[in-house]
């Protein structure tokens, strides 16, 4: 019997744990600097959306099969990014309503 080998799943779990710890540290650091968690989430969603836009344009430009690339991008937009875009829209709508109500109360 040879030495025990680490499973790939345990390596993935450790990597995911390390990523989560890094994200938590980043959230704590930004919170200490006065950034609220909801603002941070908005910031992260916008940042990821920009990165997705870069990936999307790269794939559209350089993929050899334009039809497959376009379908894949549309599927990801419909299934994944749509959720985050709707979150940003709801938050923007809430901010607009809050600003409207504050102006009405001030008058």
Protein backbone atom coordinates (compact mmCIF):
# COMPACT_ATOMS: atom_id res chain seq x y z
CA UNK A 1 0.00 0.00 0.00
CA UNK A 2 1.44 3.36 -1.07
CA UNK A 3 1.17 6.71 0.61
CA UNK A 4 -2.24 8.36 0.76
CA UNK A 5 -2.98 10.74 -2.07
CA UNK A 6 -4.99 13.91 -1.64
CA UNK A 7 -8.27 13.85 -3.47
CA UNK A 8 -8.90 16.47 -6.09
CA UNK A 9 -12.14 17.35 -4.30
CA UNK A 10 -10.29 18.18 -1.08
CA UNK A 11 -7.95 20.47 -3.02
CA UNK A 12 -10.92 22.21 -4.60
CA UNK A 13 -12.58 22.60 -1.20
CA UNK A 14 -9.40 24.13 0.23
CA UNK A 15 -9.13 26.50 -2.73
CA UNK A 16 -12.79 27.54 -2.38
CA UNK A 17 -12.31 28.08 1.34
CA UNK A 18 -9.27 30.26 0.69
CA UNK A 19 -11.21 32.30 -1.86
CA UNK A 20 -14.09 32.78 0.59
CA UNK A 21 -11.66 33.88 3.30
CA UNK A 22 -10.11 36.41 0.91
CA UNK A 23 -13.54 37.76 -0.02
CA UNK A 24 -14.52 38.07 3.64
CA UNK A 25 -11.27 39.92 4.40
CA UNK A 26 -11.96 42.29 1.51
CA UNK A 27 -15.50 42.94 2.75
CA UNK A 28 -14.26 43.60 6.29
CA UNK A 29 -11.53 45.95 5.05
CA UNK A 30 -13.96 47.92 2.90
CA UNK A 31 -16.53 48.02 5.71
CA UNK A 32 -13.91 49.46 8.04
CA UNK A 33 -13.25 52.15 5.42
CA UNK A 34 -16.92 53.14 5.52
CA UNK A 35 -18.30 51.19 2.57
CA UNK A 36 -21.62 49.51 3.36
CA UNK A 37 -22.17 45.87 2.44
CA UNK A 38 -25.01 46.68 0.01
CA UNK A 39 -22.81 49.29 -1.69
CA UNK A 40 -20.03 46.74 -1.83
CA UNK A 41 -22.30 44.20 -3.45
CA UNK A 42 -23.36 46.80 -6.02
CA UNK A 43 -19.72 47.62 -6.65
CA UNK A 44 -18.87 43.94 -7.11
CA UNK A 45 -21.80 43.34 -9.46
CA UNK A 46 -20.78 46.31 -11.60
CA UNK A 47 -17.15 45.18 -11.60
CA UNK A 48 -18.09 41.65 -12.68
CA UNK A 49 -20.42 43.06 -15.34
CA UNK A 50 -17.55 45.08 -16.80
CA UNK A 51 -15.30 42.02 -16.79
CA UNK A 52 -18.05 39.95 -18.44
CA UNK A 53 -18.34 42.62 -21.12
CA UNK A 54 -14.61 42.31 -21.79
CA UNK A 55 -14.83 38.52 -22.03
CA UNK A 56 -17.90 38.79 -24.24
CA UNK A 57 -16.20 41.15 -26.71
CA UNK A 58 -13.06 38.97 -26.75
CA UNK A 59 -15.05 35.81 -27.52
CA UNK A 60 -17.13 37.55 -30.18
CA UNK A 61 -14.00 38.90 -31.83
CA UNK A 62 -11.71 35.85 -31.77
CA UNK A 63 -13.85 32.70 -31.60
CA UNK A 64 -13.71 30.72 -34.83
CA UNK A 65 -17.43 29.84 -34.82
CA UNK A 66 -19.34 33.11 -34.44
CA UNK A 67 -22.76 31.43 -34.20
CA UNK A 68 -21.71 29.18 -31.31
CA UNK A 69 -20.03 32.08 -29.54
CA UNK A 70 -23.10 34.28 -29.92
CA UNK A 71 -25.47 31.56 -28.68
CA UNK A 72 -23.26 30.81 -25.69
CA UNK A 73 -23.01 34.48 -24.75
CA UNK A 74 -26.78 34.92 -25.04
CA UNK A 75 -27.44 31.84 -22.90
CA UNK A 76 -25.08 33.08 -20.18
CA UNK A 77 -26.63 36.56 -20.32
CA UNK A 78 -30.14 35.12 -20.03
CA UNK A 79 -29.37 32.60 -17.30
CA UNK A 80 -26.73 34.25 -15.11
CA UNK A 81 -26.19 37.93 -15.79
CA UNK A 82 -29.90 38.76 -16.03
CA UNK A 83 -30.27 38.10 -12.29
CA UNK A 84 -27.52 40.55 -11.37
CA UNK A 85 -28.71 43.19 -13.84
CA UNK A 86 -32.17 43.00 -12.29
CA UNK A 87 -30.64 43.48 -8.83
CA UNK A 88 -28.92 46.65 -10.03
CA UNK A 89 -32.13 47.91 -11.66
CA UNK A 90 -34.13 47.34 -8.45
CA UNK A 91 -31.51 49.13 -6.38
CA UNK A 92 -31.45 52.06 -8.81
CA UNK A 93 -35.25 52.24 -8.72
CA UNK A 94 -35.18 52.18 -4.91
CA UNK A 95 -32.60 54.98 -4.80
CA UNK A 96 -34.70 57.04 -7.21
CA UNK A 97 -37.82 56.52 -5.09
CA UNK A 98 -35.92 57.38 -1.90
CA UNK A 99 -34.63 60.60 -3.48
CA UNK A 100 -38.13 61.51 -4.65
CA UNK A 101 -39.62 60.92 -1.20
CA UNK A 102 -36.88 62.90 0.53
CA UNK A 103 -37.51 65.88 -1.79
CA UNK A 104 -41.25 65.70 -1.09
CA UNK A 105 -40.67 65.68 2.68
CA UNK A 106 -38.25 68.62 2.50
CA UNK A 107 -40.79 70.87 0.73
